[in-house]
């Protein structure tokens, strides 16, 4: 039985909640699923004999990761029958508490990249174990030996998993540094051209091989297949945005570490746009319209 007061156990857990939430979200790509995993981790933490736990942080990360792996295996089977493309749930990163001390420079950039839409989409193709290793290693800098203890695998096996995951992510999401101000400016010009029916202006901003990926889950209007080539993407956007109601509210937010656009109707989030940028041009337009994935942006 636990030997410390319940309020002390709660304090320790709440101190680690941002970290656990961050690990779970990167593993699962959905805020609600991550919150469920963290709640399950809390129940395990409250029930364990905490006098036997020498390192609460290590213990909590271990059980959260294992619970997330179990949940990921469940949701991956459900996603096979998902209607249309699947995208991660938008995460408002401008209001998050620091998940861990991260220095300036290259390490901060890598940490931020692990929560972007592009990386999270690529992570969907990894096995649950590969994804866990990538998240713990690349996002949080865990040593291989500690990851091996979390997953109950040998260090050699963890290094192999890390290598496969890293190669797959590198192949799927080449890195391009985008200045936040440039991203906002390009997003504003994109919106102006699309709503104003400026086809030439949109084409000038889009890469020739641009793609549009829409996620509605069959619960709202969105393309059920990926739209490819700049011309088709531009014409689709103009057709959709020019016929949108005039009373829509537009809210620029930092989502998944980059500038995003939240479109609200009647005060409630209706859709989210985020742009993938390569060499100063838009190569991917992400649109999330599944209402289940917009709940966390309702506030």
Foldseek 3Di string as FASTA:
>chain_A
DADDDPVVLVVVLVVQVLLLLVLLCLLALANVRSVVLSVVLSVVSSPDHCVPPPDVNLSSNLSSLVSSLVVLVVVLVVCVPFQFDDWGQWDFPVPGDDNDDDDDDDLVVQLLVSQDRQLSSLLSPARSLLSSLCCCCRNPNDDLVSSCVSVVHDSVVSVVSPVVSVVSSCVRDPDDDDDQVLQVVLVVQCLCCLQVVPLVSQLVQADQFAKEGEAASPPDDDDRYIQTGSNRVSVVSNVVNNPDDPPWDWDWGQISNHIKIFIDDPLATQKIWDFDDDPRHTRYIYIYGHSVSRVVVSD
